[in-house]
Amino acid sequence: MIYKYNKLVRDKIPEEIENQGKECKYEILDDEKYSKELDKKLLEEVNEYISDHSEKEMADVQEVLKAIIKYRNIDEKRVEELRKAKELKKGGFYNKIYLTEVLEGKNEKQEQNKINTQEGLLTNIDKSSTLDELQEYIRSVIRIRGFEKQEIEKTMLLLLEETGELAKAIRKDYTDMRIDYKKLNHYTNIENEIADVFIVLTCICNKLNINLFDAVYKKETENVTRNWDKKENKNG
């Protein structure tokens, strides 16, 4: 009968098997495979220790760690220094402390300062403000709200989401399409949704260093020369 093992074993295992009058096949691993098998062996030995918490299984764990330290040229003294430094700073695991939750209270003073700053910026714009001024206002408040470094991919997804919200708002008030009245609170104010779409679109422009006015003006210089007649001109 042949038993398949396919795992890393101790160095004297093949000799031990042969001394029992059995045959075995094995190979010497290259560095890449050896590295992977060491990690697998560590998990195996740790799981066995967790099963019975015996000194024998702890010895096996330490033997694998010893092999890993040697293979990876790990400085044991440096490891001990790091362990002691972390223990000094954060303690060990001897007092049986089991953390259940952390309550993060907002810094009310900081939050109020953010509100005051945004209100101050808002007073600087009105109906006479230019598109450039509005774009700069949105850049400033987004920075204060902590979304300045949001990835462009997430901002694009947010634009799609806000556009969908606008579509639902229009559907509710300006079409004869059916809506789910159980989710009526999901269909919001059209003006609010238009504002959200504009704000997110402006955020995308800011992330890509695109001047919104310049982009619209350039596009319109092309549009004014286009033929907008829906009917196709046919000869003869």
Protein backbone atom coordinates (compact mmCIF):
# COMPACT_ATOMS: atom_id res chain seq x y z
CA MET A 1 0.00 0.00 0.00
CA ILE A 2 1.24 3.47 -0.89
CA TYR A 3 0.62 6.40 1.46
CA LYS A 4 0.82 9.89 -0.03
CA TYR A 5 2.26 12.63 2.18
CA ASN A 6 3.44 15.50 -0.02
CA LYS A 7 4.64 17.67 2.83
CA LEU A 8 7.82 18.96 4.42
CA VAL A 9 9.25 16.54 7.01
CA ARG A 10 12.17 16.48 9.44
CA ASP A 11 15.59 15.71 7.98
CA LYS A 12 15.93 12.20 9.46
CA ILE A 13 12.45 10.94 8.56
CA PRO A 14 13.51 9.19 5.29
CA GLU A 15 16.31 7.36 7.15
CA GLU A 16 13.91 6.35 9.89
CA ILE A 17 11.46 4.94 7.35
CA GLU A 18 14.16 2.95 5.56
CA ASN A 19 15.42 1.53 8.88
CA GLN A 20 11.93 0.12 9.33
CA GLY A 21 12.36 -1.83 6.10
CA LYS A 22 10.10 0.44 4.09
CA GLU A 23 10.74 2.37 0.93
CA CYS A 24 10.04 6.05 0.50
CA LYS A 25 10.43 8.65 -2.19
CA TYR A 26 11.33 12.25 -1.53
CA GLU A 27 12.82 15.26 -3.27
CA ILE A 28 15.02 18.18 -2.27
CA LEU A 29 13.01 21.37 -2.69
CA ASP A 30 14.26 24.48 -4.41
CA ASP A 31 14.24 27.72 -2.41
CA GLU A 32 10.86 28.93 -3.65
CA LYS A 33 9.05 25.68 -2.82
CA TYR A 34 10.95 25.33 0.45
CA SER A 35 9.82 28.80 1.55
CA LYS A 36 6.16 27.98 0.83
CA GLU A 37 6.37 24.59 2.56
CA LEU A 38 7.94 26.13 5.66
CA ASP A 39 4.97 28.50 5.97
CA LYS A 40 2.54 25.58 5.51
CA LYS A 41 4.45 23.54 8.08
CA LEU A 42 4.27 26.36 10.61
CA LEU A 43 0.49 26.54 10.21
CA GLU A 44 0.24 22.77 10.54
CA GLU A 45 2.26 22.69 13.76
CA VAL A 46 0.44 25.69 15.26
CA ASN A 47 -2.92 24.03 14.56
CA GLU A 48 -1.70 20.82 16.20
CA TYR A 49 -0.58 22.78 19.24
CA ILE A 50 -3.98 24.50 19.43
CA SER A 51 -5.61 21.04 19.42
CA ASP A 52 -3.96 19.80 22.60
CA HIS A 53 -1.60 22.51 23.96
CA SER A 54 1.07 19.94 24.74
CA GLU A 55 4.76 20.60 25.30
CA LYS A 56 5.53 18.20 22.44
CA GLU A 57 3.51 20.24 19.95
CA MET A 58 5.03 23.50 21.22
CA ALA A 59 8.47 21.95 20.61
CA ASP A 60 7.42 21.20 17.02
CA VAL A 61 6.31 24.81 16.54
CA GLN A 62 9.66 26.04 17.81
CA GLU A 63 11.54 23.65 15.51
CA VAL A 64 9.78 25.06 12.45
CA LEU A 65 10.41 28.61 13.65
CA LYS A 66 14.08 27.73 14.07
CA ALA A 67 14.21 26.51 10.46
CA ILE A 68 12.47 29.67 9.21
CA ILE A 69 14.89 31.88 11.15
CA LYS A 70 17.86 30.08 9.62
CA TYR A 71 16.48 30.04 6.06
CA ARG A 72 15.50 33.70 6.06
CA ASN A 73 18.65 34.85 7.87
CA ILE A 74 16.59 36.46 10.61
CA ASP A 75 18.57 38.14 13.36
CA GLU A 76 17.23 36.56 16.57
CA LYS A 77 18.77 39.26 18.74
CA ARG A 78 17.03 41.93 16.67
CA VAL A 79 13.74 40.03 16.95
CA GLU A 80 14.11 39.94 20.73
CA GLU A 81 14.91 43.65 20.81
CA LEU A 82 11.74 44.40 18.82
CA ARG A 83 9.70 42.13 21.08
CA LYS A 84 10.97 43.83 24.22
CA ALA A 85 10.41 47.31 22.77
CA LYS A 86 6.81 46.50 21.88
CA GLU A 87 6.23 44.87 25.25
CA LEU A 88 7.60 47.97 26.98
CA LYS A 89 5.35 50.24 24.92
CA LYS A 90 2.13 48.19 24.74
CA GLY A 91 2.63 45.38 27.23
CA GLY A 92 2.48 41.63 26.75
CA PHE A 93 -0.41 39.17 26.84
CA TYR A 94 -0.17 38.16 30.49
CA ASN A 95 -3.08 40.01 32.07
CA LYS A 96 -5.82 38.22 30.09
CA ILE A 97 -7.22 41.47 28.69
CA TYR A 98 -9.93 40.90 26.06
CA LEU A 99 -10.87 44.11 24.22
CA THR A 100 -14.54 44.24 23.30
CA GLU A 101 -15.12 47.70 21.87
CA VAL A 102 -13.78 51.23 21.57
CA LEU A 103 -16.01 54.27 21.72
CA GLU A 104 -14.61 57.14 19.68
CA GLY A 105 -16.07 60.44 20.79
CA LYS A 106 -15.86 63.25 18.28
CA ASN A 107 -13.83 66.27 19.25
CA GLU A 108 -16.70 68.74 19.48
CA LYS A 109 -14.42 71.76 19.24
CA GLN A 110 -12.80 70.49 16.03
CA GLU A 111 -16.19 69.60 14.53
CA GLN A 112 -17.55 73.05 15.34
CA ASN A 113 -14.47 74.66 13.78
CA LYS A 114 -15.11 72.67 10.60
CA ILE A 115 -18.71 73.85 10.52
CA ASN A 116 -17.70 77.46 11.13
CA THR A 117 -15.08 77.31 8.35
CA GLN A 118 -17.57 75.87 5.87
CA GLU A 119 -20.18 78.46 6.79
CA GLY A 120 -17.57 81.17 6.24
CA LEU A 121 -16.74 79.80 2.79
CA LEU A 122 -20.44 79.57 1.93
CA THR A 123 -20.96 83.27 2.65
CA ASN A 124 -18.37 84.05 -0.03
CA ILE A 125 -20.54 82.70 -2.83
CA ASP A 126 -23.94 83.85 -4.09
CA LYS A 127 -25.89 83.99 -7.35
CA SER A 128 -23.34 86.40 -8.80
CA SER A 129 -20.46 83.96 -8.23
CA THR A 130 -18.62 82.67 -11.28
CA LEU A 131 -18.30 79.00 -12.15
CA ASP A 132 -14.62 79.21 -11.23
CA GLU A 133 -15.52 80.53 -7.78
CA LEU A 134 -18.07 77.77 -7.29
CA GLN A 135 -15.55 75.14 -8.36
CA GLU A 136 -12.99 76.52 -5.91
CA TYR A 137 -15.59 76.58 -3.11
CA ILE A 138 -16.34 72.87 -3.69
CA ARG A 139 -12.61 72.09 -3.71
CA SER A 140 -12.23 73.80 -0.31
CA VAL A 141 -15.18 72.20 1.47
CA ILE A 142 -14.35 68.73 0.14
CA ARG A 143 -10.86 69.14 1.63
CA ILE A 144 -12.38 70.13 4.99
CA ARG A 145 -14.76 67.16 4.91
CA GLY A 146 -11.85 64.77 4.39
CA PHE A 147 -12.70 63.49 0.90
CA GLU A 148 -9.88 65.21 -0.99
CA LYS A 149 -7.77 62.03 -1.26
CA GLN A 150 -10.64 59.74 -2.29
CA GLU A 151 -9.66 57.61 -5.30
CA ILE A 152 -11.03 58.74 -8.66
CA GLU A 153 -12.65 55.30 -9.13
CA LYS A 154 -14.74 55.76 -5.97
CA THR A 155 -15.70 59.30 -7.01
CA MET A 156 -16.84 58.00 -10.41
CA LEU A 157 -18.99 55.34 -8.73
CA LEU A 158 -20.44 58.03 -6.49
CA LEU A 159 -21.34 60.08 -9.59
CA LEU A 160 -23.22 57.09 -11.02
CA GLU A 161 -25.00 56.63 -7.70
CA GLU A 162 -26.02 60.28 -7.48
CA THR A 163 -27.18 60.24 -11.11
CA GLY A 164 -29.36 57.25 -10.25
CA GLU A 165 -30.83 59.16 -7.29
CA LEU A 166 -31.64 62.07 -9.61
CA ALA A 167 -33.34 59.67 -12.04
CA LYS A 168 -35.50 58.31 -9.22
CA ALA A 169 -36.48 61.81 -8.13
CA ILE A 170 -37.50 62.76 -11.69
CA ARG A 171 -39.34 59.45 -12.07
CA LYS A 172 -41.41 60.19 -8.96
CA ASP A 173 -42.47 63.75 -9.85
CA TYR A 174 -42.32 64.09 -13.63
CA THR A 175 -43.17 60.75 -15.20
CA ASP A 176 -46.09 58.34 -15.16
CA MET A 177 -43.76 55.44 -14.36
CA ARG A 178 -44.65 53.37 -11.33
CA ILE A 179 -42.71 53.73 -8.09
CA ASP A 180 -42.45 51.52 -5.02
CA TYR A 181 -44.46 53.42 -2.41
CA LYS A 182 -42.94 51.25 0.33
CA LYS A 183 -39.66 52.98 -0.51
CA LEU A 184 -41.08 56.45 -1.00
CA ASN A 185 -38.46 57.96 1.27
CA HIS A 186 -35.83 56.76 -1.25
CA TYR A 187 -37.23 59.16 -3.85
CA THR A 188 -35.80 62.50 -2.82
CA ASN A 189 -35.97 66.15 -3.84
CA ILE A 190 -34.91 66.83 -7.46
CA GLU A 191 -33.05 70.04 -6.61
CA ASN A 192 -31.03 68.24 -3.95
CA GLU A 193 -30.08 65.45 -6.33
CA ILE A 194 -29.10 67.90 -9.09
CA ALA A 195 -26.86 69.64 -6.56
CA ASP A 196 -25.29 66.31 -5.53
CA VAL A 197 -24.58 65.39 -9.16
CA PHE A 198 -23.02 68.81 -9.80
CA ILE A 199 -20.87 68.64 -6.65
CA VAL A 200 -19.53 65.15 -7.44
CA LEU A 201 -18.94 66.09 -11.10
CA THR A 202 -17.00 69.15 -9.94
CA CYS A 203 -14.97 66.95 -7.57
CA ILE A 204 -13.97 64.80 -10.55
CA CYS A 205 -12.90 67.93 -12.44
CA ASN A 206 -10.83 69.04 -9.46
CA LYS A 207 -9.17 65.64 -9.14
CA LEU A 208 -8.25 65.72 -12.84
CA ASN A 209 -7.24 69.41 -12.78
CA ILE A 210 -9.98 70.28 -15.28
CA ASN A 211 -11.45 73.77 -15.24
CA LEU A 212 -15.18 73.26 -15.54
CA PHE A 213 -15.86 76.58 -17.27
CA ASP A 214 -13.09 76.00 -19.81
CA ALA A 215 -14.37 72.49 -20.54
CA VAL A 216 -17.95 73.68 -21.09
CA TYR A 217 -16.87 76.69 -23.16
CA LYS A 218 -14.60 74.57 -25.38
CA LYS A 219 -17.38 72.05 -25.96
CA GLU A 220 -19.85 74.80 -26.82
CA THR A 221 -17.49 76.30 -29.41
CA GLU A 222 -17.77 72.94 -31.15
CA ASN A 223 -21.52 72.61 -30.62
CA VAL A 224 -22.44 75.98 -32.18
CA THR A 225 -21.06 74.85 -35.53
CA ARG A 226 -22.79 71.47 -35.54
CA ASN A 227 -25.87 70.69 -37.61
CA TRP A 228 -28.61 69.98 -35.10
CA ASP A 229 -31.30 69.29 -37.73
CA LYS A 230 -32.77 65.91 -36.92
CA LYS A 231 -33.82 65.38 -40.52
CA GLU A 232 -31.19 63.93 -42.79
CA ASN A 233 -30.52 65.93 -45.94
CA LYS A 234 -31.14 63.72 -48.93
CA ASN A 235 -30.05 64.56 -52.47
CA GLY A 236 -32.62 64.53 -55.34
